[in-house]
């Protein structure tokens, strides 16, 4: 369940509200990657603190632990709602940082493509191949095999094949 700006004002103090308020549009769109990383670190700390307080409040409500001085004010729902507000703000900051990083990656990829295209065009312009001339050249020389040539008479090949066929026919008939 998302919390509106009025709900955030009700549950957060002034310093926390400044950090969370920066994660709402249009302020979120104006932050650069470094500022978003700082805000993300601060929001993680605030969320973790609120989560710890909410856990202690739940334990206290079940009678599992003594009341703690750090978690003395407010009730369990208040602490859980604060944790949700910080988690939502952290999610917005992460998404915006991911958008920025993807845009930077796309720009780097496009720049690489442009650089490769320019290199290819420059290489094509610098090609200095000789004219092929009016007739074909002999081409590459043959590289003779070093293996010994097998010299068989063609009659020997046919005789062996025929002998195999005759032997198979005898087995089939038998």
C-alpha atoms as a PDB file:
ATOM      1  CA  UNK A   1       0.000   0.000   0.000  1.00  0.00           C
ATOM      2  CA  UNK A   2       1.519   3.307  -1.020  1.00  0.00           C
ATOM      3  CA  UNK A   3       1.560   6.295   1.271  1.00  0.00           C
ATOM      4  CA  UNK A   4       0.795   9.791   0.047  1.00  0.00           C
ATOM      5  CA  UNK A   5       2.722  12.929   0.904  1.00  0.00           C
ATOM      6  CA  UNK A   6       0.272  13.831   3.708  1.00  0.00           C
ATOM      7  CA  UNK A   7       0.780  10.406   5.292  1.00  0.00           C
ATOM      8  CA  UNK A   8       4.524  10.805   5.056  1.00  0.00           C
ATOM      9  CA  UNK A   9       4.304  14.171   6.835  1.00  0.00           C
ATOM     10  CA  UNK A  10       2.294  12.545   9.600  1.00  0.00           C
ATOM     11  CA  UNK A  11       4.791   9.731  10.224  1.00  0.00           C
ATOM     12  CA  UNK A  12       8.211  11.339   9.579  1.00  0.00           C
ATOM     13  CA  UNK A  13      10.212  14.094  11.203  1.00  0.00           C
ATOM     14  CA  UNK A  14      11.636  17.045   9.259  1.00  0.00           C
ATOM     15  CA  UNK A  15      15.052  15.516   8.357  1.00  0.00           C
ATOM     16  CA  UNK A  16      13.499  12.223   7.268  1.00  0.00           C
ATOM     17  CA  UNK A  17      10.871  14.079   5.268  1.00  0.00           C
ATOM     18  CA  UNK A  18      13.586  15.950   3.345  1.00  0.00           C
ATOM     19  CA  UNK A  19      15.300  12.689   2.369  1.00  0.00           C
ATOM     20  CA  UNK A  20      12.040  10.983   1.378  1.00  0.00           C
ATOM     21  CA  UNK A  21      10.681  14.131  -0.321  1.00  0.00           C
ATOM     22  CA  UNK A  22      13.663  14.167  -2.687  1.00  0.00           C
ATOM     23  CA  UNK A  23      12.544  10.791  -4.037  1.00  0.00           C
ATOM     24  CA  UNK A  24       9.245  12.179  -5.327  1.00  0.00           C
ATOM     25  CA  UNK A  25       8.872  13.663  -8.796  1.00  0.00           C
ATOM     26  CA  UNK A  26       9.826  16.216 -10.074  1.00  0.00           C
ATOM     27  CA  UNK A  27      12.715  16.445  -7.551  1.00  0.00           C
ATOM     28  CA  UNK A  28      13.725  12.843  -8.299  1.00  0.00           C
ATOM     29  CA  UNK A  29      14.262  13.625 -11.974  1.00  0.00           C
ATOM     30  CA  UNK A  30      16.631  16.477 -11.134  1.00  0.00           C
ATOM     31  CA  UNK A  31      19.043  14.345  -9.046  1.00  0.00           C
ATOM     32  CA  UNK A  32      22.181  12.978 -10.649  1.00  0.00           C
ATOM     33  CA  UNK A  33      23.591   9.495 -10.066  1.00  0.00           C
ATOM     34  CA  UNK A  34      25.885  10.549  -7.202  1.00  0.00           C
ATOM     35  CA  UNK A  35      23.090  12.271  -5.307  1.00  0.00           C
ATOM     36  CA  UNK A  36      20.830   9.263  -5.835  1.00  0.00           C
ATOM     37  CA  UNK A  37      23.490   6.926  -4.446  1.00  0.00           C
ATOM     38  CA  UNK A  38      23.832   9.116  -1.341  1.00  0.00           C
ATOM     39  CA  UNK A  39      20.057   9.245  -0.910  1.00  0.00           C
ATOM     40  CA  UNK A  40      19.861   5.484  -1.363  1.00  0.00           C
ATOM     41  CA  UNK A  41      22.444   4.919   1.394  1.00  0.00           C
ATOM     42  CA  UNK A  42      20.604   7.268   3.761  1.00  0.00           C
ATOM     43  CA  UNK A  43      17.243   5.637   2.967  1.00  0.00           C
ATOM     44  CA  UNK A  44      18.652   2.156   3.595  1.00  0.00           C
ATOM     45  CA  UNK A  45      19.907   3.269   7.003  1.00  0.00           C
ATOM     46  CA  UNK A  46      16.551   4.828   7.882  1.00  0.00           C
ATOM     47  CA  UNK A  47      14.631   1.782   6.646  1.00  0.00           C
ATOM     48  CA  UNK A  48      16.840  -0.601   8.617  1.00  0.00           C
ATOM     49  CA  UNK A  49      16.435   1.466  11.764  1.00  0.00           C
ATOM     50  CA  UNK A  50      12.640   1.591  11.331  1.00  0.00           C
ATOM     51  CA  UNK A  51      12.576  -2.168  10.668  1.00  0.00           C
ATOM     52  CA  UNK A  52      14.526  -2.839  13.883  1.00  0.00           C
ATOM     53  CA  UNK A  53      12.177  -0.645  15.897  1.00  0.00           C
ATOM     54  CA  UNK A  54       9.134  -2.362  14.345  1.00  0.00           C
ATOM     55  CA  UNK A  55      10.542  -5.784  15.270  1.00  0.00           C
ATOM     56  CA  UNK A  56      11.128  -4.690  18.848  1.00  0.00           C
ATOM     57  CA  UNK A  57       7.603  -3.289  19.021  1.00  0.00           C
ATOM     58  CA  UNK A  58       6.173  -6.607  17.791  1.00  0.00           C
ATOM     59  CA  UNK A  59       8.223  -8.537  20.351  1.00  0.00           C
ATOM     60  CA  UNK A  60       7.153  -6.127  23.083  1.00  0.00           C
ATOM     61  CA  UNK A  61       3.481  -6.507  22.089  1.00  0.00           C
ATOM     62  CA  UNK A  62       3.795 -10.290  22.367  1.00  0.00           C
ATOM     63  CA  UNK A  63       5.478  -9.942  25.741  1.00  0.00           C
ATOM     64  CA  UNK A  64       8.752 -11.445  24.488  1.00  0.00           C
ATOM     65  CA  UNK A  65      11.102  -8.672  25.433  1.00  0.00           C
ATOM     66  CA  UNK A  66      11.466  -5.665  27.706  1.00  0.00           C
ATOM     67  CA  UNK A  67      10.631  -2.214  26.385  1.00  0.00           C
ATOM     68  CA  UNK A  68      13.589  -0.482  24.793  1.00  0.00           C
ATOM     69  CA  UNK A  69      14.466   3.160  25.151  1.00  0.00           C
ATOM     70  CA  UNK A  70      15.145   3.550  21.409  1.00  0.00           C
ATOM     71  CA  UNK A  71      11.706   2.224  20.577  1.00  0.00           C
ATOM     72  CA  UNK A  72       9.796   3.894  23.390  1.00  0.00           C
ATOM     73  CA  UNK A  73       7.691   6.277  21.315  1.00  0.00           C
ATOM     74  CA  UNK A  74       4.860   5.304  19.043  1.00  0.00           C
ATOM     75  CA  UNK A  75       3.208   1.962  18.477  1.00  0.00           C
ATOM     76  CA  UNK A  76       3.911  -1.071  16.316  1.00  0.00           C
ATOM     77  CA  UNK A  77       1.768   0.135  13.388  1.00  0.00           C
ATOM     78  CA  UNK A  78       3.511   3.516  13.422  1.00  0.00           C
ATOM     79  CA  UNK A  79       6.956   1.894  13.204  1.00  0.00           C
ATOM     80  CA  UNK A  80       5.833  -0.512  10.461  1.00  0.00           C
ATOM     81  CA  UNK A  81       4.350   2.358   8.434  1.00  0.00           C
ATOM     82  CA  UNK A  82       7.611   4.329   8.719  1.00  0.00           C
ATOM     83  CA  UNK A  83       9.521   1.294   7.436  1.00  0.00           C
ATOM     84  CA  UNK A  84       7.114   1.048   4.476  1.00  0.00           C
ATOM     85  CA  UNK A  85       7.575   4.730   3.646  1.00  0.00           C
ATOM     86  CA  UNK A  86      11.362   4.356   3.606  1.00  0.00           C
ATOM     87  CA  UNK A  87      11.142   1.153   1.545  1.00  0.00           C
ATOM     88  CA  UNK A  88       8.918   2.879  -1.039  1.00  0.00           C
ATOM     89  CA  UNK A  89      11.298   5.842  -1.254  1.00  0.00           C
ATOM     90  CA  UNK A  90      14.237   3.457  -1.634  1.00  0.00           C
ATOM     91  CA  UNK A  91      12.425   1.670  -4.440  1.00  0.00           C
ATOM     92  CA  UNK A  92      11.826   4.959  -6.279  1.00  0.00           C
ATOM     93  CA  UNK A  93      15.472   5.966  -5.886  1.00  0.00           C
ATOM     94  CA  UNK A  94      16.679   2.559  -7.121  1.00  0.00           C
ATOM     95  CA  UNK A  95      14.436   2.721 -10.188  1.00  0.00           C
ATOM     96  CA  UNK A  96      15.607   6.223 -11.078  1.00  0.00           C
ATOM     97  CA  UNK A  97      19.259   5.252 -10.615  1.00  0.00           C
ATOM     98  CA  UNK A  98      18.693   2.217 -12.826  1.00  0.00           C
ATOM     99  CA  UNK A  99      17.143   4.458 -15.507  1.00  0.00           C
ATOM    100  CA  UNK A 100      20.142   6.772 -15.391  1.00  0.00           C
ATOM    101  CA  UNK A 101      22.618   3.885 -15.570  1.00  0.00           C
ATOM    102  CA  UNK A 102      20.760   2.332 -18.513  1.00  0.00           C
ATOM    103  CA  UNK A 103      20.737   5.673 -20.341  1.00  0.00           C
ATOM    104  CA  UNK A 104      24.491   6.025 -19.754  1.00  0.00           C
ATOM    105  CA  UNK A 105      25.075   2.467 -20.994  1.00  0.00           C
ATOM    106  CA  UNK A 106      23.008   3.134 -24.125  1.00  0.00           C
ATOM    107  CA  UNK A 107      25.007   6.311 -24.753  1.00  0.00           C
ATOM    108  CA  UNK A 108      28.304   4.420 -24.345  1.00  0.00           C
ATOM    109  CA  UNK A 109      27.114   1.705 -26.725  1.00  0.00           C
ATOM    110  CA  UNK A 110      25.981   4.252 -29.313  1.00  0.00           C
ATOM    111  CA  UNK A 111      29.311   6.067 -29.022  1.00  0.00           C
ATOM    112  CA  UNK A 112      31.137   2.783 -29.557  1.00  0.00           C
ATOM    113  CA  UNK A 113      29.048   2.048 -32.638  1.00  0.00           C
ATOM    114  CA  UNK A 114      29.738   5.507 -34.026  1.00  0.00           C
ATOM    115  CA  UNK A 115      33.467   5.094 -33.379  1.00  0.00           C
ATOM    116  CA  UNK A 116      33.492   1.672 -35.094  1.00  0.00           C
ATOM    117  CA  UNK A 117      31.595   3.057 -38.079  1.00  0.00           C
ATOM    118  CA  UNK A 118      34.020   5.963 -38.397  1.00  0.00           C
ATOM    119  CA  UNK A 119      36.983   3.565 -38.252  1.00  0.00           C
ATOM    120  CA  UNK A 120      35.446   1.356 -40.935  1.00  0.00           C
ATOM    121  CA  UNK A 121      34.764   4.334 -43.194  1.00  0.00           C
ATOM    122  CA  UNK A 122      38.294   5.640 -42.668  1.00  0.00           C
ATOM    123  CA  UNK A 123      39.769   2.212 -43.479  1.00  0.00           C
ATOM    124  CA  UNK A 124      37.684   1.999 -46.659  1.00  0.00           C
ATOM    125  CA  UNK A 125      38.900   5.420 -47.737  1.00  0.00           C
ATOM    126  CA  UNK A 126      42.530   4.456 -47.135  1.00  0.00           C
ATOM    127  CA  UNK A 127      42.398   1.188 -49.071  1.00  0.00           C
ATOM    128  CA  UNK A 128      45.055   1.153 -51.756  1.00  0.00           C
ATOM    129  CA  UNK A 129      44.606  -2.069 -53.649  1.00  0.00           C
ATOM    130  CA  UNK A 130      46.243  -2.556 -57.027  1.00  0.00           C
ATOM    131  CA  UNK A 131      44.204  -2.794 -60.203  1.00  0.00           C
ATOM    132  CA  UNK A 132      43.370  -6.451 -60.938  1.00  0.00           C
ATOM    133  CA  UNK A 133      44.525  -6.143 -64.540  1.00  0.00           C
ATOM    134  CA  UNK A 134      43.002  -7.557 -67.730  1.00  0.00           C
ATOM    135  CA  UNK A 135      43.570 -11.283 -67.162  1.00  0.00           C
ATOM    136  CA  UNK A 136      43.448 -13.761 -64.339  1.00  0.00           C
ATOM    137  CA  UNK A 137      46.585 -14.765 -62.462  1.00  0.00           C
ATOM    138  CA  UNK A 138      47.477 -18.401 -61.828  1.00  0.00           C
ATOM    139  CA  UNK A 139      46.511 -18.056 -58.154  1.00  0.00           C
ATOM    140  CA  UNK A 140      47.886 -20.119 -55.327  1.00  0.00           C
ATOM    141  CA  UNK A 141      50.271 -22.993 -55.887  1.00  0.00           C
ATOM    142  CA  UNK A 142      49.223 -26.506 -55.021  1.00  0.00           C
ATOM    143  CA  UNK A 143      50.647 -27.848 -51.793  1.00  0.00           C
ATOM    144  CA  UNK A 144      51.401 -31.530 -52.452  1.00  0.00           C
ATOM    145  CA  UNK A 145      50.492 -34.051 -49.774  1.00  0.00           C
ATOM    146  CA  UNK A 146      53.341 -35.716 -47.936  1.00  0.00           C
ATOM    147  CA  UNK A 147      51.409 -38.956 -47.415  1.00  0.00           C
ATOM    148  CA  UNK A 148      52.243 -41.940 -49.608  1.00  0.00           C
ATOM    149  CA  UNK A 149      49.872 -42.284 -52.512  1.00  0.00           C
ATOM    150  CA  UNK A 150      47.710 -45.471 -52.498  1.00  0.00           C
ATOM    151  CA  UNK A 151      47.925 -46.998 -55.914  1.00  0.00           C
ATOM    152  CA  UNK A 152      45.188 -49.541 -56.639  1.00  0.00           C
ATOM    153  CA  UNK A 153      44.035 -50.962 -59.871  1.00  0.00           C
ATOM    154  CA  UNK A 154      40.389 -50.197 -60.525  1.00  0.00           C
ATOM    155  CA  UNK A 155      39.746 -53.887 -61.239  1.00  0.00           C
ATOM    156  CA  UNK A 156      40.825 -54.787 -57.681  1.00  0.00           C
ATOM    157  CA  UNK A 157      38.229 -52.455 -56.214  1.00  0.00           C
ATOM    158  CA  UNK A 158      35.425 -53.967 -58.271  1.00  0.00           C
ATOM    159  CA  UNK A 159      36.558 -57.541 -57.543  1.00  0.00           C
ATOM    160  CA  UNK A 160      36.444 -57.000 -53.762  1.00  0.00           C
ATOM    161  CA  UNK A 161      33.024 -55.349 -53.921  1.00  0.00           C
ATOM    162  CA  UNK A 162      31.632 -58.188 -56.058  1.00  0.00           C
ATOM    163  CA  UNK A 163      33.044 -60.829 -53.686  1.00  0.00           C
ATOM    164  CA  UNK A 164      31.249 -59.183 -50.759  1.00  0.00           C
ATOM    165  CA  UNK A 165      27.950 -59.118 -52.633  1.00  0.00           C
ATOM    166  CA  UNK A 166      28.261 -62.819 -53.580  1.00  0.00           C
ATOM    167  CA  UNK A 167      29.074 -63.819 -49.993  1.00  0.00           C
ATOM    168  CA  UNK A 168      26.043 -61.916 -48.677  1.00  0.00           C
ATOM    169  CA  UNK A 169      23.772 -63.528 -51.252  1.00  0.00           C
ATOM    170  CA  UNK A 170      24.960 -67.013 -50.154  1.00  0.00           C
ATOM    171  CA  UNK A 171      24.208 -66.205 -46.514  1.00  0.00           C
ATOM    172  CA  UNK A 172      20.753 -64.865 -47.383  1.00  0.00           C
ATOM    173  CA  UNK A 173      19.860 -67.911 -49.470  1.00  0.00           C
ATOM    174  CA  UNK A 174      21.175 -70.426 -46.938  1.00  0.00           C
END
